[in-house]
Amino acid sequence: MSMRQEGKKGKMTVAEAGRKGGEKTAQTHGRDFYEQIGRKGGEKVSSERGPEFYSEIGSKGGSERAKQHEGTSEAMGKTSLEEAGHRGGQRVRKLIQAGKEHEEE
């Protein structure tokens, strides 16, 4: 329960303050601002940590996902998983292309 709900007028929780600040920033700066700071952050991490970092976190994520879905390949069959992977890859390709086209506008 937030402090405001408890009747302490003028006080808010950290979550409420963050939400309110985020909403105000979104109104003031818009989507381009968030795209720009996201790109800057990604470039900074990439330059500091290099491609090995992304490879490592990708492997960790894949390992965890595999643990969560043990037995999936037996249940679905290899062909189904290959098809699902292909569909996912096609979706990513389309999203990348759409992003490039958006940047060109």
N, C-alpha and C. Protein backbone atom coordinates (compact mmCIF):
# COMPACT_ATOMS: atom_id res chain seq x y z
N MET A 1 0.85 -1.17 0.00
CA MET A 1 0.00 0.00 0.00
C MET A 1 0.90 1.24 0.00
N SER A 2 0.61 2.21 -0.86
CA SER A 2 1.45 3.39 -0.94
C SER A 2 1.17 4.33 0.22
N MET A 3 2.13 5.19 0.45
CA MET A 3 1.96 6.17 1.53
C MET A 3 0.76 7.07 1.26
N ARG A 4 0.55 7.37 0.01
CA ARG A 4 -0.56 8.24 -0.36
C ARG A 4 -1.88 7.59 0.05
N GLN A 5 -1.96 6.29 -0.13
CA GLN A 5 -3.18 5.57 0.23
C GLN A 5 -3.37 5.51 1.74
N GLU A 6 -2.28 5.61 2.48
CA GLU A 6 -2.36 5.56 3.93
C GLU A 6 -2.77 6.92 4.51
N GLY A 7 -2.91 7.92 3.65
CA GLY A 7 -3.36 9.22 4.13
C GLY A 7 -2.25 10.21 4.41
N LYS A 8 -1.03 9.91 4.11
CA LYS A 8 0.07 10.85 4.30
C LYS A 8 0.19 11.71 3.05
N LYS A 9 -0.51 12.79 3.06
CA LYS A 9 -0.63 13.67 1.91
C LYS A 9 0.74 14.24 1.53
N GLY A 10 1.00 14.27 0.20
CA GLY A 10 2.23 14.86 -0.29
C GLY A 10 3.39 13.88 -0.40
N LYS A 11 3.24 12.68 0.09
CA LYS A 11 4.31 11.70 0.01
C LYS A 11 3.93 10.61 -0.98
N MET A 12 4.93 10.06 -1.65
CA MET A 12 4.66 8.97 -2.57
C MET A 12 5.80 7.97 -2.49
N THR A 13 5.53 6.78 -2.96
CA THR A 13 6.55 5.74 -2.94
C THR A 13 7.56 6.02 -4.05
N VAL A 14 8.69 5.35 -3.97
CA VAL A 14 9.71 5.47 -5.01
C VAL A 14 9.14 5.02 -6.35
N ALA A 15 8.35 3.96 -6.34
CA ALA A 15 7.75 3.47 -7.58
C ALA A 15 6.81 4.51 -8.19
N GLU A 16 6.02 5.15 -7.36
CA GLU A 16 5.11 6.19 -7.85
C GLU A 16 5.90 7.37 -8.43
N ALA A 17 6.95 7.76 -7.74
CA ALA A 17 7.77 8.88 -8.22
C ALA A 17 8.44 8.52 -9.55
N GLY A 18 8.95 7.31 -9.64
CA GLY A 18 9.59 6.87 -10.89
C GLY A 18 8.61 6.83 -12.05
N ARG A 19 7.43 6.31 -11.79
CA ARG A 19 6.40 6.24 -12.82
C ARG A 19 6.00 7.64 -13.28
N LYS A 20 5.81 8.53 -12.31
CA LYS A 20 5.41 9.90 -12.63
C LYS A 20 6.51 10.60 -13.43
N GLY A 21 7.76 10.41 -13.02
CA GLY A 21 8.89 11.01 -13.74
C GLY A 21 9.03 10.44 -15.15
N GLY A 22 8.83 9.14 -15.28
CA GLY A 22 8.91 8.51 -16.60
C GLY A 22 7.82 9.00 -17.53
N GLU A 23 6.63 9.17 -17.01
CA GLU A 23 5.52 9.68 -17.82
C GLU A 23 5.80 11.11 -18.28
N LYS A 24 6.33 11.92 -17.39
CA LYS A 24 6.64 13.31 -17.73
C LYS A 24 7.75 13.36 -18.78
N THR A 25 8.78 12.54 -18.62
CA THR A 25 9.87 12.50 -19.59
C THR A 25 9.35 12.05 -20.95
N ALA A 26 8.48 11.04 -20.97
CA ALA A 26 7.92 10.57 -22.23
C ALA A 26 7.12 11.67 -22.93
N GLN A 27 6.37 12.44 -22.17
CA GLN A 27 5.59 13.53 -22.75
C GLN A 27 6.51 14.63 -23.29
N THR A 28 7.56 14.91 -22.56
CA THR A 28 8.46 16.00 -22.92
C THR A 28 9.36 15.65 -24.10
N HIS A 29 9.92 14.43 -24.09
CA HIS A 29 10.95 14.07 -25.06
C HIS A 29 10.48 13.20 -26.21
N GLY A 30 9.52 12.34 -26.00
CA GLY A 30 9.02 11.49 -27.06
C GLY A 30 9.87 10.25 -27.33
N ARG A 31 9.43 9.47 -28.31
CA ARG A 31 10.02 8.18 -28.65
C ARG A 31 11.47 8.30 -29.13
N ASP A 32 11.77 9.31 -29.93
CA ASP A 32 13.13 9.47 -30.47
C ASP A 32 14.17 9.58 -29.36
N PHE A 33 13.81 10.24 -28.27
CA PHE A 33 14.71 10.39 -27.13
C PHE A 33 15.10 9.02 -26.57
N TYR A 34 14.11 8.15 -26.39
CA TYR A 34 14.38 6.83 -25.84
C TYR A 34 15.18 5.98 -26.81
N GLU A 35 14.90 6.10 -28.11
CA GLU A 35 15.67 5.36 -29.10
C GLU A 35 17.13 5.81 -29.08
N GLN A 36 17.33 7.11 -28.98
CA GLN A 36 18.69 7.65 -28.97
C GLN A 36 19.47 7.20 -27.73
N ILE A 37 18.87 7.29 -26.55
CA ILE A 37 19.61 6.89 -25.35
C ILE A 37 19.82 5.39 -25.32
N GLY A 38 18.88 4.62 -25.86
CA GLY A 38 19.07 3.17 -25.95
C GLY A 38 20.22 2.81 -26.87
N ARG A 39 20.30 3.50 -28.00
CA ARG A 39 21.37 3.26 -28.96
C ARG A 39 22.72 3.62 -28.34
N LYS A 40 22.78 4.78 -27.66
CA LYS A 40 24.02 5.21 -27.01
C LYS A 40 24.47 4.19 -25.97
N GLY A 41 23.51 3.72 -25.17
CA GLY A 41 23.84 2.72 -24.14
C GLY A 41 24.35 1.44 -24.75
N GLY A 42 23.71 0.99 -25.82
CA GLY A 42 24.15 -0.24 -26.49
C GLY A 42 25.54 -0.09 -27.09
N GLU A 43 25.82 1.06 -27.69
CA GLU A 43 27.14 1.31 -28.27
C GLU A 43 28.21 1.33 -27.18
N LYS A 44 27.86 1.93 -26.04
CA LYS A 44 28.81 2.02 -24.93
C LYS A 44 29.16 0.62 -24.40
N VAL A 45 28.15 -0.20 -24.19
CA VAL A 45 28.38 -1.57 -23.71
C VAL A 45 29.19 -2.35 -24.73
N SER A 46 28.85 -2.19 -25.99
CA SER A 46 29.55 -2.90 -27.06
C SER A 46 31.02 -2.51 -27.11
N SER A 47 31.30 -1.21 -27.01
CA SER A 47 32.69 -0.76 -27.09
C SER A 47 33.49 -1.17 -25.86
N GLU A 48 32.85 -1.21 -24.69
CA GLU A 48 33.54 -1.58 -23.46
C GLU A 48 33.77 -3.08 -23.34
N ARG A 49 32.79 -3.87 -23.76
CA ARG A 49 32.85 -5.31 -23.50
C ARG A 49 33.14 -6.17 -24.71
N GLY A 50 32.87 -5.67 -25.89
CA GLY A 50 33.19 -6.40 -27.11
C GLY A 50 32.20 -7.51 -27.42
N PRO A 51 32.40 -8.15 -28.59
CA PRO A 51 31.47 -9.18 -29.05
C PRO A 51 31.44 -10.43 -28.17
N GLU A 52 32.53 -10.69 -27.46
CA GLU A 52 32.56 -11.87 -26.59
C GLU A 52 31.49 -11.79 -25.51
N PHE A 53 31.24 -10.57 -25.03
CA PHE A 53 30.23 -10.36 -23.99
C PHE A 53 28.86 -10.84 -24.48
N TYR A 54 28.50 -10.43 -25.69
CA TYR A 54 27.19 -10.81 -26.23
C TYR A 54 27.12 -12.31 -26.49
N SER A 55 28.23 -12.88 -26.92
CA SER A 55 28.27 -14.32 -27.14
C SER A 55 28.06 -15.07 -25.83
N GLU A 56 28.73 -14.58 -24.79
CA GLU A 56 28.62 -15.23 -23.47
C GLU A 56 27.20 -15.14 -22.91
N ILE A 57 26.60 -13.95 -22.95
CA ILE A 57 25.26 -13.84 -22.38
C ILE A 57 24.23 -14.59 -23.23
N GLY A 58 24.49 -14.67 -24.53
CA GLY A 58 23.61 -15.46 -25.40
C GLY A 58 23.67 -16.93 -25.05
N SER A 59 24.88 -17.42 -24.80
CA SER A 59 25.05 -18.82 -24.41
C SER A 59 24.39 -19.11 -23.07
N LYS A 60 24.58 -18.20 -22.12
CA LYS A 60 23.95 -18.38 -20.81
C LYS A 60 22.43 -18.41 -20.94
N GLY A 61 21.90 -17.48 -21.71
CA GLY A 61 20.45 -17.44 -21.91
C GLY A 61 19.95 -18.70 -22.58
N GLY A 62 20.68 -19.18 -23.58
CA GLY A 62 20.30 -20.41 -24.27
C GLY A 62 20.34 -21.61 -23.35
N SER A 63 21.36 -21.66 -22.49
CA SER A 63 21.48 -22.77 -21.54
C SER A 63 20.32 -22.77 -20.56
N GLU A 64 19.98 -21.61 -20.05
CA GLU A 64 18.86 -21.51 -19.10
C GLU A 64 17.55 -21.89 -19.78
N ARG A 65 17.37 -21.42 -20.99
CA ARG A 65 16.14 -21.74 -21.72
C ARG A 65 16.06 -23.25 -21.96
N ALA A 66 17.18 -23.85 -22.29
CA ALA A 66 17.19 -25.29 -22.52
C ALA A 66 16.83 -26.05 -21.24
N LYS A 67 17.33 -25.57 -20.11
CA LYS A 67 16.99 -26.21 -18.83
C LYS A 67 15.49 -26.14 -18.56
N GLN A 68 14.90 -24.99 -18.90
CA GLN A 68 13.47 -24.80 -18.65
C GLN A 68 12.62 -25.70 -19.54
N HIS A 69 13.15 -26.04 -20.70
CA HIS A 69 12.36 -26.79 -21.67
C HIS A 69 12.95 -28.16 -21.98
N GLU A 70 13.55 -28.79 -20.97
CA GLU A 70 14.08 -30.13 -21.18
C GLU A 70 12.97 -31.04 -21.66
N GLY A 71 13.31 -31.84 -22.63
CA GLY A 71 12.33 -32.77 -23.17
C GLY A 71 11.52 -32.21 -24.31
N THR A 72 11.69 -30.92 -24.60
CA THR A 72 10.91 -30.30 -25.67
C THR A 72 11.23 -30.94 -27.01
N SER A 73 12.52 -31.18 -27.27
CA SER A 73 12.87 -31.74 -28.57
C SER A 73 12.28 -33.13 -28.76
N GLU A 74 12.23 -33.90 -27.67
CA GLU A 74 11.62 -35.23 -27.77
C GLU A 74 10.12 -35.12 -27.98
N ALA A 75 9.50 -34.16 -27.31
CA ALA A 75 8.05 -34.00 -27.41
C ALA A 75 7.63 -33.44 -28.76
N MET A 76 8.37 -32.48 -29.27
CA MET A 76 7.97 -31.82 -30.50
C MET A 76 8.60 -32.44 -31.74
N GLY A 77 9.73 -33.05 -31.57
CA GLY A 77 10.47 -33.57 -32.72
C GLY A 77 11.40 -32.51 -33.27
N LYS A 78 12.52 -32.96 -33.82
CA LYS A 78 13.54 -32.04 -34.31
C LYS A 78 13.00 -31.15 -35.43
N THR A 79 12.22 -31.71 -36.32
CA THR A 79 11.71 -30.94 -37.45
C THR A 79 10.87 -29.76 -36.97
N SER A 80 10.04 -29.96 -35.98
CA SER A 80 9.20 -28.87 -35.46
C SER A 80 10.06 -27.76 -34.88
N LEU A 81 11.13 -28.13 -34.16
CA LEU A 81 12.01 -27.12 -33.59
C LEU A 81 12.76 -26.37 -34.68
N GLU A 82 13.18 -27.07 -35.71
CA GLU A 82 13.86 -26.40 -36.83
C GLU A 82 12.92 -25.41 -37.50
N GLU A 83 11.69 -25.81 -37.68
CA GLU A 83 10.70 -24.91 -38.31
C GLU A 83 10.45 -23.70 -37.43
N ALA A 84 10.33 -23.92 -36.13
CA ALA A 84 10.11 -22.80 -35.20
C ALA A 84 11.29 -21.84 -35.23
N GLY A 85 12.50 -22.38 -35.27
CA GLY A 85 13.69 -21.55 -35.36
C GLY A 85 13.72 -20.75 -36.64
N HIS A 86 13.34 -21.38 -37.73
CA HIS A 86 13.31 -20.69 -39.02
C HIS A 86 12.29 -19.56 -39.01
N ARG A 87 11.12 -19.82 -38.46
CA ARG A 87 10.09 -18.77 -38.39
C ARG A 87 10.58 -17.60 -37.54
N GLY A 88 11.25 -17.92 -36.43
CA GLY A 88 11.79 -16.85 -35.58
C GLY A 88 12.83 -16.04 -36.30
N GLY A 89 13.70 -16.70 -37.05
CA GLY A 89 14.73 -16.01 -37.82
C GLY A 89 14.13 -15.11 -38.88
N GLN A 90 13.09 -15.60 -39.54
CA GLN A 90 12.41 -14.79 -40.56
C GLN A 90 11.79 -13.55 -39.93
N ARG A 91 11.23 -13.71 -38.75
CA ARG A 91 10.60 -12.58 -38.05
C ARG A 91 11.66 -11.53 -37.70
N VAL A 92 12.80 -11.98 -37.21
CA VAL A 92 13.89 -11.07 -36.87
C VAL A 92 14.36 -10.34 -38.13
N ARG A 93 14.51 -11.06 -39.23
CA ARG A 93 14.94 -10.45 -40.49
C ARG A 93 13.97 -9.34 -40.90
N LYS A 94 12.67 -9.61 -40.79
CA LYS A 94 11.67 -8.60 -41.16
C LYS A 94 11.75 -7.38 -40.24
N LEU A 95 11.95 -7.62 -38.95
CA LEU A 95 12.05 -6.50 -38.01
C LEU A 95 13.28 -5.64 -38.29
N ILE A 96 14.39 -6.28 -38.60
CA ILE A 96 15.61 -5.54 -38.92
C ILE A 96 15.40 -4.69 -40.18
N GLN A 97 14.80 -5.30 -41.19
CA GLN A 97 14.53 -4.57 -42.43
C GLN A 97 13.60 -3.38 -42.19
N ALA A 98 12.56 -3.59 -41.38
CA ALA A 98 11.63 -2.50 -41.07
C ALA A 98 12.34 -1.38 -40.33
N GLY A 99 13.24 -1.74 -39.43
CA GLY A 99 14.01 -0.73 -38.70
C GLY A 99 14.90 0.07 -39.62
N LYS A 100 15.55 -0.60 -40.58
CA LYS A 100 16.40 0.10 -41.53
C LYS A 100 15.58 1.05 -42.40
N GLU A 101 14.42 0.60 -42.83
CA GLU A 101 13.56 1.44 -43.64
C GLU A 101 13.06 2.64 -42.87
N HIS A 102 12.79 2.44 -41.57
CA HIS A 102 12.34 3.54 -40.70
C HIS A 102 13.44 4.59 -40.56
N GLU A 103 14.71 4.13 -40.42
CA GLU A 103 15.83 5.05 -40.26
C GLU A 103 16.05 5.88 -41.52
N GLU A 104 15.74 5.30 -42.69
CA GLU A 104 15.96 5.99 -43.95
C GLU A 104 14.94 7.10 -44.18
N GLU A 105 13.79 7.01 -43.51
CA GLU A 105 12.73 8.02 -43.69
C GLU A 105 13.09 9.36 -43.15
